[in-house]
């Protein structure tokens, strides 16, 4: 049965095309994120704090632009949005690698504001191209593709940086990303179902009609999951340094990625999905004991076990967004979801770093894992409270009618 679902997803030409183009755009994207830090420190001879500021500005720009870029996708369509993004970002990254620190900072911010919303486009397209029965499986496959891109991108970028100047590596990767984005523009895959296109009207759906507490809870779950993951990455680095084996850090991260792939495949094959809150809590709870690792081997084992809940949690949050908002505003909703993801990723590292400075690498895992669990519990209480309130209101209405 599971093989049948995966077979249907991969047999769909629209889904295959989206997954391939999404991988092609994401690999250089993840690679540049790593090399940009090395470029600031080694080529521009700035501090690590200065490098972190560039990453922070770029990340914040992407987070701010997510909702309105998604809204433009809903209103204008893929080509009109992506075409402008390709031109502006390609122009920025044609200049940015070859200028000083301050212009680089400004150009990275502008490029972030107009970045191609590849995550929103691919996920919307995958949802539109698959049936409700296969949606979760298709999103799981996309989550696995993201995981592979996250592993391949930095490895490829670092390998290139050992042979070429970081300026040309950044330029080359960004041009590859622009070329892949051009292919996405040419393909122009549908990001809404045919039924939704036929039923679409010019009337604007008020944001209050879909920006509900239920939707926001899903976004906060995504925020918490990425906070845990990004904080764990920093903690892995600190642990490798503690064990004086930084050369084995790649194996630990690979173990985490392998766990995520296996977890994603399992999640996509399940006949019934586990609750979103359960997945987040499992991810957070599995992260805390990684701090008890006594060697790189046990660290890798902990990374693998926690990683098994990574792709499922992210996939479940995307699937939940698709189910709680109308399709005609799904682009803006995915943009908000992406902004929460980006913000969680930006905060996870500093929170873990603060805890590591005070309690060592174990403190980093405990801090982000504990915070993720707290957010999960708060979400459960909010949802339970609203359900109880609706139940009381229904009983009062029923009693009033009975009178």
Protein backbone atom coordinates (compact mmCIF):
# COMPACT_ATOMS: atom_id res chain seq x y z
CA UNK A 1 0.00 0.00 0.00
CA UNK A 2 2.78 2.41 0.94
CA UNK A 3 4.72 1.47 -2.19
CA UNK A 4 1.59 2.16 -4.22
CA UNK A 5 1.26 5.67 -2.77
CA UNK A 6 4.92 6.47 -3.41
CA UNK A 7 4.58 4.98 -6.88
CA UNK A 8 1.62 7.23 -7.70
CA UNK A 9 3.44 10.31 -6.43
CA UNK A 10 6.63 9.63 -8.39
CA UNK A 11 4.68 8.61 -11.51
CA UNK A 12 3.03 12.03 -11.61
CA UNK A 13 5.05 14.12 -14.14
CA UNK A 14 4.09 17.43 -12.48
CA UNK A 15 5.27 16.21 -9.08
CA UNK A 16 8.53 14.82 -10.48
CA UNK A 17 9.30 18.07 -12.26
CA UNK A 18 8.62 20.16 -9.15
CA UNK A 19 10.78 17.93 -6.95
CA UNK A 20 13.70 18.03 -9.42
CA UNK A 21 13.54 21.79 -9.93
CA UNK A 22 13.12 22.35 -6.20
CA UNK A 23 16.24 20.28 -5.54
CA UNK A 24 18.18 22.19 -8.21
CA UNK A 25 17.29 25.58 -6.68
CA UNK A 26 17.80 24.54 -3.06
CA UNK A 27 21.26 22.93 -3.39
CA UNK A 28 23.08 26.18 -4.30
CA UNK A 29 20.87 28.07 -1.83
CA UNK A 30 22.04 25.94 1.10
CA UNK A 31 25.61 26.03 -0.21
CA UNK A 32 25.77 29.83 -0.35
CA UNK A 33 24.54 30.06 3.25
CA UNK A 34 27.72 28.27 4.38
CA UNK A 35 30.20 29.92 2.02
CA UNK A 36 28.94 33.42 2.75
CA UNK A 37 30.15 33.06 6.34
CA UNK A 38 33.60 31.88 5.19
CA UNK A 39 33.70 34.72 2.65
CA UNK A 40 33.14 37.39 5.30
CA UNK A 41 35.70 35.90 7.70
CA UNK A 42 38.43 34.73 5.34
CA UNK A 43 38.14 36.91 2.23
CA UNK A 44 36.89 40.16 3.78
CA UNK A 45 38.84 39.55 7.02
CA UNK A 46 35.91 40.41 9.28
CA UNK A 47 34.86 38.89 12.58
CA UNK A 48 32.51 35.97 13.10
CA UNK A 49 30.01 38.43 14.54
CA UNK A 50 30.12 40.38 11.29
CA UNK A 51 29.51 37.17 9.37
CA UNK A 52 26.59 36.37 11.64
CA UNK A 53 25.11 39.80 10.96
CA UNK A 54 25.09 39.14 7.21
CA UNK A 55 23.30 35.84 7.80
CA UNK A 56 20.86 37.53 10.19
CA UNK A 57 20.02 40.34 7.75
CA UNK A 58 19.47 37.91 4.89
CA UNK A 59 17.36 35.61 7.07
CA UNK A 60 15.26 38.47 8.43
CA UNK A 61 14.66 39.77 4.90
CA UNK A 62 13.41 36.36 3.76
CA UNK A 63 11.14 36.09 6.82
CA UNK A 64 9.67 39.56 6.28
CA UNK A 65 9.05 39.00 2.58
CA UNK A 66 7.44 35.56 2.92
CA UNK A 67 3.78 36.57 3.44
CA UNK A 68 3.60 39.31 0.81
CA UNK A 69 5.52 37.23 -1.71
CA UNK A 70 3.05 34.41 -1.13
CA UNK A 71 0.16 36.85 -1.52
CA UNK A 72 1.58 37.95 -4.86
CA UNK A 73 1.71 34.31 -5.95
CA UNK A 74 -1.99 34.00 -5.15
CA UNK A 75 -2.88 37.15 -7.09
CA UNK A 76 -0.38 37.34 -9.93
CA UNK A 77 0.71 33.76 -10.53
CA UNK A 78 4.11 32.10 -10.66
CA UNK A 79 5.67 33.71 -13.73
CA UNK A 80 5.06 37.34 -12.82
CA UNK A 81 6.46 36.85 -9.33
CA UNK A 82 9.40 34.57 -10.12
CA UNK A 83 10.50 36.56 -13.20
CA UNK A 84 11.10 39.72 -11.18
CA UNK A 85 12.79 37.72 -8.41
CA UNK A 86 15.25 36.14 -10.84
CA UNK A 87 16.26 39.49 -12.32
CA UNK A 88 16.70 41.30 -9.01
CA UNK A 89 18.47 38.52 -7.12
CA UNK A 90 20.79 37.73 -10.03
CA UNK A 91 21.70 41.42 -10.24
CA UNK A 92 22.39 41.59 -6.50
CA UNK A 93 24.57 38.48 -6.46
CA UNK A 94 26.45 39.53 -9.58
CA UNK A 95 27.73 42.49 -7.56
CA UNK A 96 27.68 41.37 -3.90
CA UNK A 97 30.62 38.88 -3.90
CA UNK A 98 33.02 41.49 -5.27
CA UNK A 99 32.33 44.45 -2.97
CA UNK A 100 33.19 45.34 0.60
CA UNK A 101 31.37 44.36 3.76
CA UNK A 102 28.77 47.13 4.03
CA UNK A 103 27.61 46.89 0.37
CA UNK A 104 27.51 43.10 0.76
CA UNK A 105 25.29 43.49 3.83
CA UNK A 106 22.88 45.75 1.95
CA UNK A 107 22.77 43.62 -1.18
CA UNK A 108 22.22 40.43 0.84
CA UNK A 109 19.21 42.11 2.47
CA UNK A 110 17.73 43.21 -0.88
CA UNK A 111 18.29 39.75 -2.37
CA UNK A 112 16.54 38.20 0.65
CA UNK A 113 13.51 40.45 0.19
CA UNK A 114 13.12 39.32 -3.43
CA UNK A 115 14.32 35.71 -3.11
CA UNK A 116 12.47 33.20 -5.27
CA UNK A 117 9.84 31.67 -2.92
CA UNK A 118 10.87 28.18 -3.95
CA UNK A 119 9.59 26.41 -0.82
CA UNK A 120 6.13 27.95 -1.19
CA UNK A 121 5.99 27.26 -4.93
CA UNK A 122 7.12 23.63 -4.72
CA UNK A 123 4.82 22.80 -1.82
CA UNK A 124 1.82 24.50 -3.42
CA UNK A 125 2.55 22.74 -6.70
CA UNK A 126 2.95 19.35 -5.06
CA UNK A 127 -0.33 19.79 -3.17
CA UNK A 128 -2.14 20.89 -6.34
CA UNK A 129 -0.77 17.97 -8.36
CA UNK A 130 -1.76 15.23 -5.92
CA UNK A 131 -4.98 13.91 -4.48
CA UNK A 132 -5.94 14.30 -0.82
CA UNK A 133 -5.09 10.63 -0.34
CA UNK A 134 -1.53 11.08 -1.64
CA UNK A 135 -0.86 14.60 -0.33
CA UNK A 136 0.95 13.56 2.84
CA UNK A 137 3.12 11.07 0.94
CA UNK A 138 4.00 13.70 -1.68
CA UNK A 139 4.92 16.26 0.97
CA UNK A 140 7.03 13.63 2.72
CA UNK A 141 8.95 13.08 -0.52
CA UNK A 142 9.51 16.83 -0.81
CA UNK A 143 10.76 16.89 2.79
CA UNK A 144 13.27 14.16 1.93
CA UNK A 145 14.39 16.11 -1.15
CA UNK A 146 14.97 19.15 1.07
CA UNK A 147 17.03 16.98 3.43
CA UNK A 148 19.23 15.75 0.57
CA UNK A 149 19.66 19.30 -0.73
CA UNK A 150 20.66 20.43 2.76
CA UNK A 151 23.32 17.71 2.87
CA UNK A 152 24.63 18.13 -0.68
CA UNK A 153 24.69 21.94 -0.85
CA UNK A 154 27.20 22.68 1.94
CA UNK A 155 29.44 19.75 0.98
CA UNK A 156 29.58 20.93 -2.64
CA UNK A 157 30.15 24.54 -1.64
CA UNK A 158 32.98 23.73 0.77
CA UNK A 159 34.64 21.51 -1.84
CA UNK A 160 34.51 24.37 -4.36
CA UNK A 161 35.84 26.83 -1.80
CA UNK A 162 38.95 24.72 -1.29
CA UNK A 163 39.79 25.09 -4.98
CA UNK A 164 38.47 28.56 -5.87
CA UNK A 165 38.14 32.03 -4.40
CA UNK A 166 35.00 32.39 -2.26
CA UNK A 167 33.89 35.34 -4.40
CA UNK A 168 33.66 33.19 -7.50
CA UNK A 169 32.09 30.29 -5.59
CA UNK A 170 29.28 32.55 -4.33
CA UNK A 171 28.82 34.04 -7.79
CA UNK A 172 28.79 30.63 -9.46
CA UNK A 173 26.33 29.07 -7.01
CA UNK A 174 23.96 32.01 -7.24
CA UNK A 175 24.03 31.90 -11.03
CA UNK A 176 23.25 28.18 -10.94
CA UNK A 177 20.34 28.99 -8.62
CA UNK A 178 19.16 31.69 -11.04
CA UNK A 179 19.39 29.25 -13.97
CA UNK A 180 17.37 26.64 -12.08
CA UNK A 181 14.82 29.33 -11.20
CA UNK A 182 14.59 30.19 -14.92
CA UNK A 183 13.70 26.55 -15.61
CA UNK A 184 11.01 26.84 -12.93
CA UNK A 185 9.72 29.99 -14.64
CA UNK A 186 9.67 28.25 -18.03
CA UNK A 187 7.89 25.17 -16.66
CA UNK A 188 5.29 27.35 -14.90
CA UNK A 189 3.77 24.40 -13.00
CA UNK A 190 0.21 24.92 -11.71
CA UNK A 191 0.19 25.91 -8.03
CA UNK A 192 -3.57 25.59 -7.62
CA UNK A 193 -5.88 22.79 -8.60
CA UNK A 194 -8.03 23.08 -11.72
CA UNK A 195 -11.18 23.28 -9.58
CA UNK A 196 -9.77 26.14 -7.55
CA UNK A 197 -8.81 28.02 -10.72
CA UNK A 198 -12.33 27.64 -12.10
CA UNK A 199 -13.93 28.75 -8.83
CA UNK A 200 -11.55 31.66 -8.24
CA UNK A 201 -13.15 35.11 -8.07
CA UNK A 202 -11.82 38.62 -7.91
CA UNK A 203 -13.25 39.09 -4.43
CA UNK A 204 -10.56 39.42 -1.79
CA UNK A 205 -10.85 36.92 1.05
CA UNK A 206 -10.35 38.86 4.32
CA UNK A 207 -7.28 37.76 6.22
CA UNK A 208 -9.32 37.39 9.41
CA UNK A 209 -11.30 34.64 7.65
CA UNK A 210 -8.31 32.31 7.53
CA UNK A 211 -5.60 33.78 9.82
CA UNK A 212 -7.19 31.90 12.71
CA UNK A 213 -5.80 30.68 16.05
CA UNK A 214 -5.75 27.17 14.58
CA UNK A 215 -3.54 28.30 11.70
CA UNK A 216 -1.26 30.27 14.04
CA UNK A 217 -0.83 27.25 16.31
CA UNK A 218 0.36 25.23 13.30
CA UNK A 219 2.84 28.01 12.46
CA UNK A 220 4.16 28.06 16.03
CA UNK A 221 4.67 24.30 15.88
CA UNK A 222 6.78 24.81 12.74
CA UNK A 223 8.63 27.66 14.47
CA UNK A 224 9.40 25.44 17.47
CA UNK A 225 10.56 22.52 15.30
CA UNK A 226 13.08 24.61 13.36
CA UNK A 227 14.24 26.33 16.55
CA UNK A 228 15.06 22.89 17.97
CA UNK A 229 16.82 21.83 14.77
CA UNK A 230 18.92 24.97 14.28
CA UNK A 231 19.87 25.02 17.95
CA UNK A 232 20.86 21.36 17.70
CA UNK A 233 23.21 22.14 14.80
CA UNK A 234 25.10 24.65 16.94
CA UNK A 235 25.16 22.19 19.83
CA UNK A 236 26.58 19.47 17.56
CA UNK A 237 29.46 21.78 16.68
CA UNK A 238 30.08 22.52 20.36
CA UNK A 239 29.99 18.80 21.19
CA UNK A 240 32.49 17.95 18.45
CA UNK A 241 34.80 20.63 19.81
CA UNK A 242 34.33 19.28 23.36
CA UNK A 243 35.37 15.80 22.22
CA UNK A 244 38.27 17.34 20.20
CA UNK A 245 37.02 15.60 17.06
CA UNK A 246 35.67 18.34 14.77
CA UNK A 247 36.74 16.29 11.74
CA UNK A 248 33.93 13.82 12.53
CA UNK A 249 31.21 16.46 12.71
CA UNK A 250 30.13 15.67 9.15
CA UNK A 251 29.39 12.07 10.15
CA UNK A 252 27.18 13.25 13.01
CA UNK A 253 25.24 15.60 10.72
CA UNK A 254 24.96 12.81 8.14
CA UNK A 255 23.49 10.54 10.84
CA UNK A 256 20.91 13.21 11.63
CA UNK A 257 20.07 13.56 7.94
CA UNK A 258 19.80 9.79 7.50
CA UNK A 259 17.43 9.60 10.46
CA UNK A 260 15.32 12.36 8.94
CA UNK A 261 15.14 10.56 5.58
CA UNK A 262 14.08 7.29 7.22
CA UNK A 263 11.56 9.11 9.40
CA UNK A 264 10.15 10.96 6.40
CA UNK A 265 9.76 7.76 4.37
CA UNK A 266 8.05 6.05 7.30
CA UNK A 267 5.74 8.99 7.89
CA UNK A 268 4.71 9.14 4.24
CA UNK A 269 3.93 5.42 4.24
CA UNK A 270 1.75 5.37 7.38
CA UNK A 271 -1.96 4.78 6.74
CA UNK A 272 -2.80 7.41 9.37
CA UNK A 273 -0.56 10.32 10.33
CA UNK A 274 0.42 10.83 14.00
CA UNK A 275 -0.82 14.10 15.55
CA UNK A 276 1.31 17.17 14.84
CA UNK A 277 1.80 17.89 18.55
CA UNK A 278 3.01 14.35 19.15
CA UNK A 279 5.67 14.70 16.46
CA UNK A 280 6.92 18.04 17.83
CA UNK A 281 7.05 16.71 21.38
CA UNK A 282 8.90 13.58 20.22
CA UNK A 283 11.44 15.74 18.36
CA UNK A 284 11.98 17.97 21.40
CA UNK A 285 12.10 15.07 23.86
CA UNK A 286 14.60 13.14 21.71
CA UNK A 287 16.84 16.23 21.46
CA UNK A 288 17.37 16.81 25.21
CA UNK A 289 19.19 13.52 26.00
CA UNK A 290 21.68 14.03 23.16
CA UNK A 291 23.50 16.19 25.70
CA UNK A 292 24.31 13.00 27.65
CA UNK A 293 26.55 11.75 24.81
CA UNK A 294 29.97 10.59 25.98
CA UNK A 295 31.61 10.22 22.56
CA UNK A 296 31.14 11.09 18.92
CA UNK A 297 29.58 7.66 18.38
CA UNK A 298 26.86 8.18 20.98
CA UNK A 299 26.42 11.74 19.71
CA UNK A 300 25.78 10.37 16.21
CA UNK A 301 23.32 7.82 17.61
CA UNK A 302 21.40 10.56 19.42
CA UNK A 303 21.43 12.69 16.26
CA UNK A 304 20.00 9.79 14.26
CA UNK A 305 17.18 9.11 16.73
CA UNK A 306 16.16 12.78 17.00
CA UNK A 307 16.50 13.18 13.24
CA UNK A 308 13.80 10.56 12.69
CA UNK A 309 11.22 13.12 13.86
CA UNK A 310 12.61 16.02 11.79
CA UNK A 311 11.10 15.45 8.33
CA UNK A 312 7.80 14.09 9.73
CA UNK A 313 7.26 17.17 11.90
CA UNK A 314 8.01 19.58 9.07
CA UNK A 315 5.87 17.63 6.60
CA UNK A 316 2.97 17.44 9.05
CA UNK A 317 3.04 21.20 9.60
CA UNK A 318 2.90 21.89 5.84
CA UNK A 319 0.07 19.38 5.43
CA UNK A 320 -1.81 21.04 8.31
CA UNK A 321 -1.51 24.48 6.67
CA UNK A 322 -2.94 23.05 3.44
CA UNK A 323 -5.91 21.67 5.35
CA UNK A 324 -6.80 24.67 7.52
CA UNK A 325 -6.69 27.49 4.93
CA UNK A 326 -8.63 27.93 1.66
CA UNK A 327 -6.66 27.08 -1.47
CA UNK A 328 -7.08 30.55 -2.97
CA UNK A 329 -4.94 32.09 -0.17
CA UNK A 330 -2.59 29.16 0.26
CA UNK A 331 0.37 31.11 -1.16
CA UNK A 332 0.13 33.82 1.51
CA UNK A 333 -0.50 31.19 4.20
CA UNK A 334 2.58 29.24 3.11
CA UNK A 335 4.47 32.53 3.19
CA UNK A 336 3.48 33.08 6.82
CA UNK A 337 4.41 29.48 7.58
CA UNK A 338 7.80 30.03 5.93
CA UNK A 339 8.35 33.21 7.95
CA UNK A 340 7.77 31.30 11.18
CA UNK A 341 10.22 28.63 9.99
CA UNK A 342 12.85 31.23 9.14
CA UNK A 343 12.42 33.06 12.44
CA UNK A 344 12.73 29.81 14.38
CA UNK A 345 15.90 29.00 12.47
CA UNK A 346 17.33 32.44 13.25
CA UNK A 347 16.61 32.17 17.00
CA UNK A 348 17.63 28.55 17.61
CA UNK A 349 21.36 29.17 17.21
CA UNK A 350 21.62 32.16 19.60
CA UNK A 351 19.49 30.40 22.24
CA UNK A 352 21.64 27.27 22.06
CA UNK A 353 24.82 29.38 22.06
CA UNK A 354 23.72 31.23 25.18
CA UNK A 355 23.10 27.91 26.97
CA UNK A 356 26.35 26.38 25.71
CA UNK A 357 28.37 29.30 27.10
CA UNK A 358 26.92 28.57 30.54
CA UNK A 359 26.42 24.80 30.66
CA UNK A 360 28.39 23.29 27.80
CA UNK A 361 26.99 21.46 24.78
CA UNK A 362 24.51 19.56 26.98
CA UNK A 363 22.96 22.90 27.92
CA UNK A 364 22.43 23.71 24.25
CA UNK A 365 20.45 20.54 23.58
CA UNK A 366 18.48 20.94 26.81
CA UNK A 367 17.62 24.58 26.11
CA UNK A 368 16.21 24.16 22.60
CA UNK A 369 14.64 20.77 23.32
CA UNK A 370 13.02 22.06 26.51
CA UNK A 371 11.74 25.21 24.81
CA UNK A 372 10.31 23.15 21.96
CA UNK A 373 8.50 20.92 24.45
CA UNK A 374 7.10 23.96 26.30
CA UNK A 375 5.75 25.45 23.07
CA UNK A 376 4.19 22.07 22.28
CA UNK A 377 2.47 21.87 25.68
CA UNK A 378 1.24 25.46 25.33
CA UNK A 379 -0.19 24.63 21.90
CA UNK A 380 -2.00 21.58 23.25
CA UNK A 381 -3.51 23.65 26.08
CA UNK A 382 -4.66 26.37 23.67
CA UNK A 383 -6.28 23.89 21.29
CA UNK A 384 -7.91 21.96 24.14
CA UNK A 385 -9.21 25.19 25.67
CA UNK A 386 -10.77 26.31 22.41
CA UNK A 387 -12.39 22.92 21.88
CA UNK A 388 -13.84 23.01 25.38
CA UNK A 389 -15.13 26.53 24.79
CA UNK A 390 -16.81 25.51 21.53
CA UNK A 391 -18.34 22.49 23.25
CA UNK A 392 -19.78 24.66 26.05
CA UNK A 393 -21.15 27.12 23.50
CA UNK A 394 -22.77 24.29 21.55
CA UNK A 395 -24.39 22.90 24.71
CA UNK A 396 -25.73 26.34 25.66
CA UNK A 397 -27.14 26.82 22.15
CA UNK A 398 -28.73 23.38 22.25
CA UNK A 399 -30.30 24.11 25.64
CA UNK A 400 -31.62 27.46 24.40
CA UNK A 401 -33.22 25.80 21.34
CA UNK A 402 -34.73 23.13 23.58
CA UNK A 403 -36.43 25.78 25.68
